[in-house]
Amino acid sequence: MLKRMGLFVLGLVLMAGEAMAQVFPVDAATSTTITSVKGDIVAWGVVFIGVALTIFAYKRVKSLVR
């Protein structure tokens, strides 16, 4: 079971790496691209935090209503 889970996580990391490479194209020749990627990472982080807070607030309000 643990071996299967490890293989699953490894496969997931490899697939996510390819997907992130498409979302954040990096050209080492220009520093503006790296700055742009940093901005994109911060923007995605803000989005994920917003989604997490929205889910938390929904569950909190739902528990208060009951």
PDB file of N, CA and C in Angstrom:
ATOM      1  N   MET A   1       0.826  -1.195   0.000  1.00  0.00           N
ATOM      2  CA  MET A   1       0.000   0.000   0.000  1.00  0.00           C
ATOM      3  C   MET A   1       0.871   1.260   0.000  1.00  0.00           C
ATOM      4  N   LEU A   2       1.886   1.277   0.846  1.00  0.00           N
ATOM      5  CA  LEU A   2       2.762   2.445   0.930  1.00  0.00           C
ATOM      6  C   LEU A   2       3.558   2.623  -0.360  1.00  0.00           C
ATOM      7  N   LYS A   3       3.945   1.502  -0.984  1.00  0.00           N
ATOM      8  CA  LYS A   3       4.697   1.579  -2.230  1.00  0.00           C
ATOM      9  C   LYS A   3       3.819   2.151  -3.353  1.00  0.00           C
ATOM     10  N   ARG A   4       2.571   1.737  -3.377  1.00  0.00           N
ATOM     11  CA  ARG A   4       1.652   2.257  -4.400  1.00  0.00           C
ATOM     12  C   ARG A   4       1.431   3.747  -4.215  1.00  0.00           C
ATOM     13  N   MET A   5       1.293   4.161  -2.950  1.00  0.00           N
ATOM     14  CA  MET A   5       1.082   5.573  -2.677  1.00  0.00           C
ATOM     15  C   MET A   5       2.303   6.390  -3.094  1.00  0.00           C
ATOM     16  N   GLY A   6       3.490   5.864  -2.847  1.00  0.00           N
ATOM     17  CA  GLY A   6       4.710   6.550  -3.258  1.00  0.00           C
ATOM     18  C   GLY A   6       4.792   6.702  -4.766  1.00  0.00           C
ATOM     19  N   LEU A   7       4.431   5.652  -5.482  1.00  0.00           N
ATOM     20  CA  LEU A   7       4.430   5.720  -6.947  1.00  0.00           C
ATOM     21  C   LEU A   7       3.392   6.717  -7.450  1.00  0.00           C
ATOM     22  N   PHE A   8       2.246   6.748  -6.781  1.00  0.00           N
ATOM     23  CA  PHE A   8       1.204   7.689  -7.162  1.00  0.00           C
ATOM     24  C   PHE A   8       1.694   9.129  -6.975  1.00  0.00           C
ATOM     25  N   VAL A   9       2.307   9.403  -5.833  1.00  0.00           N
ATOM     26  CA  VAL A   9       2.809  10.759  -5.560  1.00  0.00           C
ATOM     27  C   VAL A   9       3.907  11.131  -6.548  1.00  0.00           C
ATOM     28  N   LEU A  10       4.801  10.190  -6.853  1.00  0.00           N
ATOM     29  CA  LEU A  10       5.860  10.451  -7.819  1.00  0.00           C
ATOM     30  C   LEU A  10       5.274  10.786  -9.190  1.00  0.00           C
ATOM     31  N   GLY A  11       4.297  10.011  -9.626  1.00  0.00           N
ATOM     32  CA  GLY A  11       3.644  10.288 -10.903  1.00  0.00           C
ATOM     33  C   GLY A  11       2.942  11.628 -10.911  1.00  0.00           C
ATOM     34  N   LEU A  12       2.308  11.956  -9.790  1.00  0.00           N
ATOM     35  CA  LEU A  12       1.619  13.232  -9.684  1.00  0.00           C
ATOM     36  C   LEU A  12       2.596  14.399  -9.756  1.00  0.00           C
ATOM     37  N   VAL A  13       3.736  14.259  -9.098  1.00  0.00           N
ATOM     38  CA  VAL A  13       4.756  15.316  -9.132  1.00  0.00           C
ATOM     39  C   VAL A  13       5.297  15.495 -10.547  1.00  0.00           C
ATOM     40  N   LEU A  14       5.536  14.395 -11.238  1.00  0.00           N
ATOM     41  CA  LEU A  14       6.057  14.492 -12.601  1.00  0.00           C
ATOM     42  C   LEU A  14       5.051  15.150 -13.534  1.00  0.00           C
ATOM     43  N   MET A  15       3.781  14.790 -13.392  1.00  0.00           N
ATOM     44  CA  MET A  15       2.754  15.400 -14.237  1.00  0.00           C
ATOM     45  C   MET A  15       2.576  16.880 -13.893  1.00  0.00           C
ATOM     46  N   ALA A  16       2.628  17.208 -12.616  1.00  0.00           N
ATOM     47  CA  ALA A  16       2.465  18.603 -12.212  1.00  0.00           C
ATOM     48  C   ALA A  16       3.647  19.436 -12.707  1.00  0.00           C
ATOM     49  N   GLY A  17       4.830  18.851 -12.732  1.00  0.00           N
ATOM     50  CA  GLY A  17       6.005  19.577 -13.227  1.00  0.00           C
ATOM     51  C   GLY A  17       5.855  19.951 -14.679  1.00  0.00           C
ATOM     52  N   GLU A  18       5.329  19.032 -15.477  1.00  0.00           N
ATOM     53  CA  GLU A  18       5.102  19.337 -16.895  1.00  0.00           C
ATOM     54  C   GLU A  18       4.010  20.387 -17.053  1.00  0.00           C
ATOM     55  N   ALA A  19       2.971  20.298 -16.243  1.00  0.00           N
ATOM     56  CA  ALA A  19       1.887  21.269 -16.327  1.00  0.00           C
ATOM     57  C   ALA A  19       2.367  22.652 -15.908  1.00  0.00           C
ATOM     58  N   MET A  20       3.173  22.724 -14.856  1.00  0.00           N
ATOM     59  CA  MET A  20       3.681  24.016 -14.404  1.00  0.00           C
ATOM     60  C   MET A  20       4.641  24.615 -15.429  1.00  0.00           C
ATOM     61  N   ALA A  21       5.349  23.763 -16.152  1.00  0.00           N
ATOM     62  CA  ALA A  21       6.249  24.264 -17.184  1.00  0.00           C
ATOM     63  C   ALA A  21       5.461  24.959 -18.287  1.00  0.00           C
ATOM     64  N   GLN A  22       4.240  24.502 -18.548  1.00  0.00           N
ATOM     65  CA  GLN A  22       3.416  25.140 -19.565  1.00  0.00           C
ATOM     66  C   GLN A  22       2.802  26.433 -19.047  1.00  0.00           C
ATOM     67  N   VAL A  23       2.477  26.484 -17.756  1.00  0.00           N
ATOM     68  CA  VAL A  23       1.853  27.664 -17.177  1.00  0.00           C
ATOM     69  C   VAL A  23       2.876  28.773 -16.979  1.00  0.00           C
ATOM     70  N   PHE A  24       4.103  28.387 -16.547  1.00  0.00           N
ATOM     71  CA  PHE A  24       5.151  29.350 -16.269  1.00  0.00           C
ATOM     72  C   PHE A  24       6.334  29.134 -17.202  1.00  0.00           C
ATOM     73  N   PRO A  25       6.252  29.604 -18.455  1.00  0.00           N
ATOM     74  CA  PRO A  25       7.394  29.421 -19.360  1.00  0.00           C
ATOM     75  C   PRO A  25       8.567  30.294 -18.921  1.00  0.00           C
ATOM     76  N   VAL A  26       9.730  29.696 -18.767  1.00  0.00           N
ATOM     77  CA  VAL A  26      10.896  30.432 -18.284  1.00  0.00           C
ATOM     78  C   VAL A  26      11.953  30.487 -19.376  1.00  0.00           C
ATOM     79  N   ASP A  27      12.397  31.681 -19.667  1.00  0.00           N
ATOM     80  CA  ASP A  27      13.494  31.899 -20.598  1.00  0.00           C
ATOM     81  C   ASP A  27      14.645  32.485 -19.796  1.00  0.00           C
ATOM     82  N   ALA A  28      15.724  31.735 -19.658  1.00  0.00           N
ATOM     83  CA  ALA A  28      16.833  32.163 -18.809  1.00  0.00           C
ATOM     84  C   ALA A  28      17.571  33.373 -19.378  1.00  0.00           C
ATOM     85  N   ALA A  29      17.349  33.682 -20.641  1.00  0.00           N
ATOM     86  CA  ALA A  29      18.074  34.796 -21.272  1.00  0.00           C
ATOM     87  C   ALA A  29      17.558  36.161 -20.813  1.00  0.00           C
ATOM     88  N   THR A  30      16.294  36.227 -20.409  1.00  0.00           N
ATOM     89  CA  THR A  30      15.747  37.520 -20.014  1.00  0.00           C
ATOM     90  C   THR A  30      15.329  37.482 -18.557  1.00  0.00           C
ATOM     91  N   SER A  31      15.607  38.556 -17.859  1.00  0.00           N
ATOM     92  CA  SER A  31      15.213  38.623 -16.449  1.00  0.00           C
ATOM     93  C   SER A  31      13.751  39.037 -16.303  1.00  0.00           C
ATOM     94  N   THR A  32      13.176  39.650 -17.351  1.00  0.00           N
ATOM     95  CA  THR A  32      11.778  40.057 -17.255  1.00  0.00           C
ATOM     96  C   THR A  32      10.861  38.854 -17.183  1.00  0.00           C
ATOM     97  N   THR A  33      11.240  37.764 -17.848  1.00  0.00           N
ATOM     98  CA  THR A  33      10.424  36.556 -17.784  1.00  0.00           C
ATOM     99  C   THR A  33      10.430  35.987 -16.379  1.00  0.00           C
ATOM    100  N   ILE A  34      11.606  36.005 -15.733  1.00  0.00           N
ATOM    101  CA  ILE A  34      11.689  35.487 -14.372  1.00  0.00           C
ATOM    102  C   ILE A  34      10.874  36.370 -13.432  1.00  0.00           C
ATOM    103  N   THR A  35      10.903  37.658 -13.632  1.00  0.00           N
ATOM    104  CA  THR A  35      10.082  38.563 -12.823  1.00  0.00           C
ATOM    105  C   THR A  35       8.609  38.294 -13.066  1.00  0.00           C
ATOM    106  N   SER A  36       8.265  38.040 -14.304  1.00  0.00           N
ATOM    107  CA  SER A  36       6.884  37.724 -14.637  1.00  0.00           C
ATOM    108  C   SER A  36       6.444  36.428 -13.975  1.00  0.00           C
ATOM    109  N   VAL A  37       7.327  35.440 -13.958  1.00  0.00           N
ATOM    110  CA  VAL A  37       6.999  34.156 -13.323  1.00  0.00           C
ATOM    111  C   VAL A  37       6.799  34.354 -11.828  1.00  0.00           C
ATOM    112  N   LYS A  38       7.638  35.171 -11.203  1.00  0.00           N
ATOM    113  CA  LYS A  38       7.462  35.447  -9.777  1.00  0.00           C
ATOM    114  C   LYS A  38       6.096  36.081  -9.528  1.00  0.00           C
ATOM    115  N   GLY A  39       5.724  37.006 -10.373  1.00  0.00           N
ATOM    116  CA  GLY A  39       4.412  37.636 -10.243  1.00  0.00           C
ATOM    117  C   GLY A  39       3.285  36.645 -10.422  1.00  0.00           C
ATOM    118  N   ASP A  40       3.442  35.736 -11.377  1.00  0.00           N
ATOM    119  CA  ASP A  40       2.428  34.709 -11.602  1.00  0.00           C
ATOM    120  C   ASP A  40       2.302  33.782 -10.396  1.00  0.00           C
ATOM    121  N   ILE A  41       3.433  33.424  -9.799  1.00  0.00           N
ATOM    122  CA  ILE A  41       3.403  32.536  -8.636  1.00  0.00           C
ATOM    123  C   ILE A  41       2.700  33.227  -7.466  1.00  0.00           C
ATOM    124  N   VAL A  42       2.988  34.504  -7.269  1.00  0.00           N
ATOM    125  CA  VAL A  42       2.313  35.248  -6.194  1.00  0.00           C
ATOM    126  C   VAL A  42       0.815  35.332  -6.475  1.00  0.00           C
ATOM    127  N   ALA A  43       0.451  35.574  -7.724  1.00  0.00           N
ATOM    128  CA  ALA A  43      -0.966  35.660  -8.081  1.00  0.00           C
ATOM    129  C   ALA A  43      -1.679  34.336  -7.842  1.00  0.00           C
ATOM    130  N   TRP A  44      -1.059  33.232  -8.241  1.00  0.00           N
ATOM    131  CA  TRP A  44      -1.659  31.912  -8.001  1.00  0.00           C
ATOM    132  C   TRP A  44      -1.777  31.636  -6.504  1.00  0.00           C
ATOM    133  N   GLY A  45      -0.774  32.047  -5.733  1.00  0.00           N
ATOM    134  CA  GLY A  45      -0.837  31.866  -4.283  1.00  0.00           C
ATOM    135  C   GLY A  45      -2.007  32.610  -3.674  1.00  0.00           C
ATOM    136  N   VAL A  46      -2.219  33.848  -4.123  1.00  0.00           N
ATOM    137  CA  VAL A  46      -3.354  34.638  -3.633  1.00  0.00           C
ATOM    138  C   VAL A  46      -4.665  33.960  -3.997  1.00  0.00           C
ATOM    139  N   VAL A  47      -4.754  33.419  -5.197  1.00  0.00           N
ATOM    140  CA  VAL A  47      -5.977  32.724  -5.623  1.00  0.00           C
ATOM    141  C   VAL A  47      -6.228  31.503  -4.749  1.00  0.00           C
ATOM    142  N   PHE A  48      -5.193  30.697  -4.501  1.00  0.00           N
ATOM    143  CA  PHE A  48      -5.375  29.493  -3.684  1.00  0.00           C
ATOM    144  C   PHE A  48      -5.753  29.853  -2.252  1.00  0.00           C
ATOM    145  N   ILE A  49      -5.158  30.901  -1.696  1.00  0.00           N
ATOM    146  CA  ILE A  49      -5.525  31.328  -0.349  1.00  0.00           C
ATOM    147  C   ILE A  49      -6.983  31.803  -0.328  1.00  0.00           C
ATOM    148  N   GLY A  50      -7.394  32.515  -1.353  1.00  0.00           N
ATOM    149  CA  GLY A  50      -8.784  32.966  -1.437  1.00  0.00           C
ATOM    150  C   GLY A  50      -9.763  31.812  -1.512  1.00  0.00           C
ATOM    151  N   VAL A  51      -9.425  30.801  -2.283  1.00  0.00           N
ATOM    152  CA  VAL A  51     -10.297  29.621  -2.382  1.00  0.00           C
ATOM    153  C   VAL A  51     -10.364  28.908  -1.041  1.00  0.00           C
ATOM    154  N   ALA A  52      -9.216  28.746  -0.376  1.00  0.00           N
ATOM    155  CA  ALA A  52      -9.199  28.080   0.920  1.00  0.00           C
ATOM    156  C   ALA A  52     -10.031  28.848   1.947  1.00  0.00           C
ATOM    157  N   LEU A  53      -9.896  30.169   1.960  1.00  0.00           N
ATOM    158  CA  LEU A  53     -10.688  30.972   2.895  1.00  0.00           C
ATOM    159  C   LEU A  53     -12.177  30.911   2.578  1.00  0.00           C
ATOM    160  N   THR A  54     -12.514  30.869   1.305  1.00  0.00           N
ATOM    161  CA  THR A  54     -13.918  30.764   0.913  1.00  0.00           C
ATOM    162  C   THR A  54     -14.517  29.444   1.386  1.00  0.00           C
ATOM    163  N   ILE A  55     -13.792  28.361   1.211  1.00  0.00           N
ATOM    164  CA  ILE A  55     -14.271  27.053   1.661  1.00  0.00           C
ATOM    165  C   ILE A  55     -14.407  27.039   3.181  1.00  0.00           C
ATOM    166  N   PHE A  56     -13.414  27.596   3.878  1.00  0.00           N
ATOM    167  CA  PHE A  56     -13.469  27.652   5.331  1.00  0.00           C
ATOM    168  C   PHE A  56     -14.678  28.458   5.797  1.00  0.00           C
ATOM    169  N   ALA A  57     -14.903  29.615   5.177  1.00  0.00           N
ATOM    170  CA  ALA A  57     -16.026  30.463   5.569  1.00  0.00           C
ATOM    171  C   ALA A  57     -17.354  29.779   5.280  1.00  0.00           C
ATOM    172  N   TYR A  58     -17.444  29.085   4.156  1.00  0.00           N
ATOM    173  CA  TYR A  58     -18.681  28.368   3.814  1.00  0.00           C
ATOM    174  C   TYR A  58     -18.994  27.313   4.872  1.00  0.00           C
ATOM    175  N   LYS A  59     -17.965  26.540   5.250  1.00  0.00           N
ATOM    176  CA  LYS A  59     -18.181  25.498   6.269  1.00  0.00           C
ATOM    177  C   LYS A  59     -18.540  26.123   7.613  1.00  0.00           C
ATOM    178  N   ARG A  60     -17.923  27.261   7.945  1.00  0.00           N
ATOM    179  CA  ARG A  60     -18.193  27.927   9.216  1.00  0.00           C
ATOM    180  C   ARG A  60     -19.633  28.443   9.258  1.00  0.00           C
ATOM    181  N   VAL A  61     -20.053  29.091   8.191  1.00  0.00           N
ATOM    182  CA  VAL A  61     -21.423  29.616   8.134  1.00  0.00           C
ATOM    183  C   VAL A  61     -22.434  28.476   8.129  1.00  0.00           C
ATOM    184  N   LYS A  62     -22.120  27.428   7.412  1.00  0.00           N
ATOM    185  CA  LYS A  62     -23.027  26.280   7.358  1.00  0.00           C
ATOM    186  C   LYS A  62     -23.206  25.666   8.745  1.00  0.00           C
ATOM    187  N   SER A  63     -22.105  25.579   9.516  1.00  0.00           N
ATOM    188  CA  SER A  63     -22.215  25.017  10.867  1.00  0.00           C
ATOM    189  C   SER A  63     -22.964  25.958  11.809  1.00  0.00           C
ATOM    190  N   LEU A  64     -22.863  27.266  11.596  1.00  0.00           N
ATOM    191  CA  LEU A  64     -23.589  28.210  12.433  1.00  0.00           C
ATOM    192  C   LEU A  64     -25.090  28.192  12.145  1.00  0.00           C
ATOM    193  N   VAL A  65     -25.458  27.942  10.898  1.00  0.00           N
ATOM    194  CA  VAL A  65     -26.859  27.933  10.507  1.00  0.00           C
ATOM    195  C   VAL A  65     -27.575  26.727  11.096  1.00  0.00           C
ATOM    196  N   ARG A  66     -26.864  25.619  11.209  1.00  0.00           N
ATOM    197  CA  ARG A  66     -27.506  24.404  11.737  1.00  0.00           C
ATOM    198  C   ARG A  66     -27.785  24.506  13.200  1.00  0.00           C
TER     199      ARG A  66
END
